[in-house]
Amino acid sequence: MKLSEFKNKKWVRFVSNKYVLILVFFIIWMFFFDTNSYFIHKELNEDIDALEQKKEEYQNEIARDKAFIEKMEDSNEMEKYAREKYYLKKENEDIYIIQYEDSLQKKGNNE
């Protein structure tokens, strides 16, 4: 096959067209090398998804905290929480903490 026959083939003429070459170069450049390339956009979209997930977690935590704060506005609930969490007591009052065997942490593997 001679070079002139090869150049006259339809697909060779199409690929060797300067506009096609420029278009292919432009697509390759935009896809791989540009500062706004596909890979950078993909990475940024993953970051956005992770941040949106964190935002949702924080909003859920804020909602739980708001509900807790509203609950603590009642003095009886606040007293109950302080007694259970911090073992606070009133004057002239004794507190007994009862622990069952199954609630105690074992120190050794043999026990």
N, C-alpha and C. Protein backbone atom coordinates (compact mmCIF):
# COMPACT_ATOMS: atom_id res chain seq x y z
N MET A 1 0.85 -1.18 0.00
CA MET A 1 0.00 0.00 0.00
C MET A 1 0.89 1.24 0.00
N LYS A 2 0.62 2.09 -0.90
CA LYS A 2 1.43 3.30 -1.05
C LYS A 2 0.91 4.38 -0.11
N LEU A 3 1.76 5.32 0.15
CA LEU A 3 1.43 6.42 1.04
C LEU A 3 0.27 7.26 0.48
N SER A 4 0.23 7.47 -0.79
CA SER A 4 -0.84 8.26 -1.39
C SER A 4 -2.18 7.55 -1.27
N GLU A 5 -2.17 6.23 -1.37
CA GLU A 5 -3.41 5.47 -1.20
C GLU A 5 -3.89 5.56 0.26
N PHE A 6 -2.95 5.50 1.17
CA PHE A 6 -3.27 5.60 2.59
C PHE A 6 -3.86 6.96 2.92
N LYS A 7 -3.30 8.01 2.36
CA LYS A 7 -3.79 9.37 2.61
C LYS A 7 -5.17 9.61 1.99
N ASN A 8 -5.51 8.88 1.01
CA ASN A 8 -6.79 9.08 0.33
C ASN A 8 -7.94 8.32 1.00
N LYS A 9 -7.65 7.53 1.97
CA LYS A 9 -8.74 6.84 2.67
C LYS A 9 -9.57 7.86 3.43
N LYS A 10 -10.85 7.54 3.54
CA LYS A 10 -11.80 8.49 4.11
C LYS A 10 -11.50 8.81 5.57
N TRP A 11 -11.24 7.82 6.42
CA TRP A 11 -11.01 8.06 7.84
C TRP A 11 -9.70 8.78 8.09
N VAL A 12 -8.69 8.55 7.24
CA VAL A 12 -7.41 9.25 7.38
C VAL A 12 -7.59 10.73 7.06
N ARG A 13 -8.35 11.01 6.03
CA ARG A 13 -8.60 12.42 5.68
C ARG A 13 -9.38 13.11 6.80
N PHE A 14 -10.34 12.37 7.40
CA PHE A 14 -11.14 12.96 8.47
C PHE A 14 -10.28 13.25 9.71
N VAL A 15 -9.45 12.29 10.11
CA VAL A 15 -8.62 12.44 11.31
C VAL A 15 -7.53 13.48 11.09
N SER A 16 -7.04 13.59 9.89
CA SER A 16 -5.96 14.55 9.63
C SER A 16 -6.47 15.97 9.38
N ASN A 17 -7.75 16.14 9.40
CA ASN A 17 -8.33 17.48 9.24
C ASN A 17 -7.89 18.34 10.42
N LYS A 18 -7.47 19.58 10.15
CA LYS A 18 -6.93 20.43 11.21
C LYS A 18 -7.98 20.76 12.27
N TYR A 19 -9.24 20.86 11.88
CA TYR A 19 -10.29 21.17 12.85
C TYR A 19 -10.55 19.99 13.78
N VAL A 20 -10.47 18.80 13.23
CA VAL A 20 -10.64 17.60 14.06
C VAL A 20 -9.47 17.48 15.02
N LEU A 21 -8.27 17.73 14.54
CA LEU A 21 -7.09 17.66 15.41
C LEU A 21 -7.17 18.69 16.53
N ILE A 22 -7.60 19.89 16.20
CA ILE A 22 -7.74 20.94 17.23
C ILE A 22 -8.82 20.54 18.23
N LEU A 23 -9.92 20.01 17.75
CA LEU A 23 -11.00 19.58 18.64
C LEU A 23 -10.53 18.45 19.57
N VAL A 24 -9.83 17.48 19.04
CA VAL A 24 -9.31 16.38 19.87
C VAL A 24 -8.32 16.91 20.90
N PHE A 25 -7.42 17.79 20.47
CA PHE A 25 -6.47 18.38 21.41
C PHE A 25 -7.20 19.16 22.51
N PHE A 26 -8.21 19.93 22.11
CA PHE A 26 -8.98 20.71 23.09
C PHE A 26 -9.68 19.80 24.09
N ILE A 27 -10.30 18.73 23.63
CA ILE A 27 -11.00 17.80 24.53
C ILE A 27 -10.02 17.14 25.49
N ILE A 28 -8.90 16.68 24.97
CA ILE A 28 -7.89 16.05 25.84
C ILE A 28 -7.38 17.06 26.86
N TRP A 29 -7.11 18.27 26.41
CA TRP A 29 -6.61 19.30 27.32
C TRP A 29 -7.63 19.59 28.44
N MET A 30 -8.89 19.77 28.08
CA MET A 30 -9.93 20.10 29.06
C MET A 30 -10.20 18.93 30.01
N PHE A 31 -10.06 17.72 29.52
CA PHE A 31 -10.38 16.55 30.34
C PHE A 31 -9.26 16.23 31.33
N PHE A 32 -8.00 16.41 30.93
CA PHE A 32 -6.89 15.98 31.78
C PHE A 32 -6.05 17.12 32.36
N PHE A 33 -5.74 18.14 31.60
CA PHE A 33 -4.70 19.08 32.00
C PHE A 33 -5.19 20.42 32.52
N ASP A 34 -6.39 20.81 32.22
CA ASP A 34 -6.89 22.12 32.61
C ASP A 34 -7.09 22.20 34.13
N THR A 35 -7.07 23.40 34.67
CA THR A 35 -7.29 23.55 36.12
C THR A 35 -8.72 23.20 36.50
N ASN A 36 -9.63 23.18 35.56
CA ASN A 36 -11.01 22.78 35.81
C ASN A 36 -11.30 21.44 35.17
N SER A 37 -10.36 20.53 35.23
CA SER A 37 -10.50 19.24 34.57
C SER A 37 -11.56 18.37 35.24
N TYR A 38 -11.89 17.29 34.56
CA TYR A 38 -12.90 16.36 35.06
C TYR A 38 -12.49 15.78 36.41
N PHE A 39 -11.23 15.44 36.56
CA PHE A 39 -10.77 14.81 37.80
C PHE A 39 -10.83 15.77 38.99
N ILE A 40 -10.53 17.02 38.74
CA ILE A 40 -10.62 18.01 39.81
C ILE A 40 -12.08 18.22 40.19
N HIS A 41 -12.96 18.29 39.20
CA HIS A 41 -14.39 18.42 39.49
C HIS A 41 -14.91 17.22 40.26
N LYS A 42 -14.46 16.04 39.90
CA LYS A 42 -14.88 14.82 40.59
C LYS A 42 -14.44 14.86 42.05
N GLU A 43 -13.20 15.26 42.29
CA GLU A 43 -12.68 15.37 43.65
C GLU A 43 -13.45 16.42 44.46
N LEU A 44 -13.73 17.55 43.84
CA LEU A 44 -14.48 18.60 44.53
C LEU A 44 -15.91 18.17 44.83
N ASN A 45 -16.54 17.43 43.93
CA ASN A 45 -17.89 16.93 44.18
C ASN A 45 -17.90 15.93 45.34
N GLU A 46 -16.86 15.11 45.44
CA GLU A 46 -16.76 14.19 46.57
C GLU A 46 -16.60 14.96 47.88
N ASP A 47 -15.81 16.02 47.84
CA ASP A 47 -15.66 16.87 49.04
C ASP A 47 -16.98 17.51 49.42
N ILE A 48 -17.72 17.97 48.44
CA ILE A 48 -19.02 18.59 48.70
C ILE A 48 -19.97 17.59 49.33
N ASP A 49 -19.99 16.37 48.81
CA ASP A 49 -20.86 15.32 49.37
C ASP A 49 -20.49 15.03 50.82
N ALA A 50 -19.19 14.94 51.10
CA ALA A 50 -18.75 14.67 52.47
C ALA A 50 -19.15 15.82 53.39
N LEU A 51 -19.00 17.05 52.93
CA LEU A 51 -19.37 18.20 53.75
C LEU A 51 -20.88 18.27 53.98
N GLU A 52 -21.66 17.92 52.98
CA GLU A 52 -23.11 17.91 53.16
C GLU A 52 -23.53 16.84 54.16
N GLN A 53 -22.84 15.71 54.15
CA GLN A 53 -23.14 14.66 55.12
C GLN A 53 -22.80 15.13 56.53
N LYS A 54 -21.65 15.78 56.69
CA LYS A 54 -21.27 16.33 57.99
C LYS A 54 -22.28 17.38 58.44
N LYS A 55 -22.73 18.22 57.50
CA LYS A 55 -23.71 19.25 57.83
C LYS A 55 -24.99 18.61 58.37
N GLU A 56 -25.43 17.55 57.74
CA GLU A 56 -26.65 16.86 58.19
C GLU A 56 -26.45 16.25 59.58
N GLU A 57 -25.27 15.66 59.82
CA GLU A 57 -24.98 15.11 61.15
C GLU A 57 -25.00 16.21 62.21
N TYR A 58 -24.40 17.34 61.90
CA TYR A 58 -24.37 18.44 62.86
C TYR A 58 -25.77 19.02 63.10
N GLN A 59 -26.58 19.08 62.06
CA GLN A 59 -27.95 19.57 62.24
C GLN A 59 -28.75 18.62 63.12
N ASN A 60 -28.54 17.31 62.96
CA ASN A 60 -29.21 16.34 63.83
C ASN A 60 -28.75 16.49 65.27
N GLU A 61 -27.45 16.71 65.45
CA GLU A 61 -26.91 16.91 66.79
C GLU A 61 -27.47 18.19 67.42
N ILE A 62 -27.59 19.24 66.63
CA ILE A 62 -28.16 20.50 67.13
C ILE A 62 -29.61 20.29 67.55
N ALA A 63 -30.37 19.53 66.76
CA ALA A 63 -31.77 19.26 67.10
C ALA A 63 -31.87 18.48 68.41
N ARG A 64 -30.98 17.48 68.60
CA ARG A 64 -30.98 16.73 69.87
C ARG A 64 -30.63 17.64 71.04
N ASP A 65 -29.64 18.51 70.84
CA ASP A 65 -29.25 19.42 71.92
C ASP A 65 -30.35 20.42 72.24
N LYS A 66 -31.05 20.91 71.23
CA LYS A 66 -32.16 21.84 71.48
C LYS A 66 -33.27 21.16 72.27
N ALA A 67 -33.55 19.91 71.91
CA ALA A 67 -34.58 19.16 72.65
C ALA A 67 -34.13 18.95 74.10
N PHE A 68 -32.86 18.67 74.30
CA PHE A 68 -32.33 18.49 75.65
C PHE A 68 -32.42 19.79 76.45
N ILE A 69 -32.08 20.91 75.80
CA ILE A 69 -32.15 22.21 76.48
C ILE A 69 -33.59 22.54 76.87
N GLU A 70 -34.52 22.27 75.97
CA GLU A 70 -35.93 22.53 76.29
C GLU A 70 -36.39 21.65 77.45
N LYS A 71 -35.90 20.42 77.47
CA LYS A 71 -36.24 19.50 78.55
C LYS A 71 -35.66 20.00 79.88
N MET A 72 -34.47 20.57 79.83
CA MET A 72 -33.80 21.03 81.05
C MET A 72 -34.36 22.34 81.58
N GLU A 73 -35.22 23.00 80.85
CA GLU A 73 -35.84 24.23 81.35
C GLU A 73 -36.78 23.95 82.51
N ASP A 74 -37.29 22.74 82.57
CA ASP A 74 -38.12 22.33 83.70
C ASP A 74 -37.20 22.00 84.88
N SER A 75 -37.44 22.61 86.05
CA SER A 75 -36.55 22.43 87.19
C SER A 75 -36.55 20.99 87.69
N ASN A 76 -37.67 20.30 87.59
CA ASN A 76 -37.71 18.90 88.03
C ASN A 76 -36.84 18.02 87.14
N GLU A 77 -36.87 18.27 85.86
CA GLU A 77 -36.04 17.49 84.94
C GLU A 77 -34.56 17.79 85.15
N MET A 78 -34.25 19.07 85.43
CA MET A 78 -32.86 19.43 85.68
C MET A 78 -32.35 18.75 86.95
N GLU A 79 -33.18 18.74 87.98
CA GLU A 79 -32.79 18.08 89.23
C GLU A 79 -32.60 16.58 89.00
N LYS A 80 -33.50 15.96 88.27
CA LYS A 80 -33.40 14.54 87.98
C LYS A 80 -32.11 14.23 87.23
N TYR A 81 -31.78 15.06 86.24
CA TYR A 81 -30.57 14.86 85.44
C TYR A 81 -29.33 15.02 86.32
N ALA A 82 -29.31 16.05 87.16
CA ALA A 82 -28.15 16.28 88.03
C ALA A 82 -27.98 15.14 89.03
N ARG A 83 -29.06 14.61 89.54
CA ARG A 83 -28.97 13.49 90.48
C ARG A 83 -28.45 12.23 89.79
N GLU A 84 -28.93 11.95 88.58
CA GLU A 84 -28.53 10.73 87.89
C GLU A 84 -27.12 10.83 87.31
N LYS A 85 -26.78 11.95 86.75
CA LYS A 85 -25.52 12.09 86.04
C LYS A 85 -24.36 12.43 86.98
N TYR A 86 -24.58 13.36 87.89
CA TYR A 86 -23.50 13.87 88.73
C TYR A 86 -23.63 13.45 90.19
N TYR A 87 -24.61 12.62 90.51
CA TYR A 87 -24.83 12.12 91.87
C TYR A 87 -24.95 13.26 92.89
N LEU A 88 -25.62 14.33 92.53
CA LEU A 88 -25.84 15.43 93.45
C LEU A 88 -26.96 15.06 94.41
N LYS A 89 -26.95 15.70 95.57
CA LYS A 89 -27.96 15.38 96.58
C LYS A 89 -28.34 16.64 97.33
N LYS A 90 -29.45 16.55 98.01
CA LYS A 90 -29.88 17.65 98.87
C LYS A 90 -29.21 17.50 100.22
N GLU A 91 -29.30 18.57 101.03
CA GLU A 91 -28.74 18.49 102.39
C GLU A 91 -29.52 17.46 103.19
N ASN A 92 -28.81 16.82 104.12
CA ASN A 92 -29.39 15.80 105.00
C ASN A 92 -30.03 14.66 104.20
N GLU A 93 -29.41 14.30 103.12
CA GLU A 93 -29.93 13.22 102.29
C GLU A 93 -28.78 12.27 101.99
N ASP A 94 -29.04 11.00 102.07
CA ASP A 94 -28.03 9.99 101.75
C ASP A 94 -28.35 9.37 100.41
N ILE A 95 -27.29 9.08 99.65
CA ILE A 95 -27.46 8.44 98.35
C ILE A 95 -26.75 7.10 98.39
N TYR A 96 -27.44 6.08 97.94
CA TYR A 96 -26.86 4.75 97.85
C TYR A 96 -26.83 4.35 96.39
N ILE A 97 -25.65 3.98 95.93
CA ILE A 97 -25.50 3.54 94.55
C ILE A 97 -25.44 2.03 94.56
N ILE A 98 -26.37 1.40 93.89
CA ILE A 98 -26.46 -0.05 93.87
C ILE A 98 -25.97 -0.52 92.51
N GLN A 99 -24.97 -1.40 92.55
CA GLN A 99 -24.45 -1.97 91.32
C GLN A 99 -24.65 -3.48 91.38
N TYR A 100 -25.10 -4.03 90.30
CA TYR A 100 -25.29 -5.47 90.21
C TYR A 100 -24.03 -6.12 89.63
N GLU A 101 -23.87 -7.40 89.88
CA GLU A 101 -22.67 -8.09 89.42
C GLU A 101 -22.51 -8.03 87.91
N ASP A 102 -23.59 -8.14 87.18
CA ASP A 102 -23.47 -8.12 85.72
C ASP A 102 -23.17 -6.72 85.18
N SER A 103 -23.32 -5.68 85.98
CA SER A 103 -23.01 -4.33 85.50
C SER A 103 -21.59 -3.93 85.84
N LEU A 104 -20.88 -4.69 86.68
CA LEU A 104 -19.50 -4.37 87.03
C LEU A 104 -18.55 -4.85 85.94
N GLN A 105 -17.50 -4.10 85.72
CA GLN A 105 -16.49 -4.50 84.74
C GLN A 105 -15.51 -5.44 85.41
N LYS A 106 -15.22 -6.54 84.75
CA LYS A 106 -14.31 -7.53 85.30
C LYS A 106 -12.88 -7.14 84.96
N LYS A 107 -11.97 -7.37 85.92
CA LYS A 107 -10.57 -6.94 85.73
C LYS A 107 -9.72 -8.00 85.04
N GLY A 108 -10.02 -9.26 85.24
CA GLY A 108 -9.18 -10.30 84.67
C GLY A 108 -9.93 -11.15 83.66
N ASN A 109 -9.17 -11.91 82.89
CA ASN A 109 -9.80 -12.77 81.89
C ASN A 109 -10.33 -14.04 82.55
N ASN A 110 -9.82 -14.43 83.73
CA ASN A 110 -10.21 -15.67 84.39
C ASN A 110 -11.54 -15.52 85.12
N GLU A 111 -11.97 -14.32 85.38
CA GLU A 111 -13.19 -14.12 86.15
C GLU A 111 -14.42 -14.23 85.31
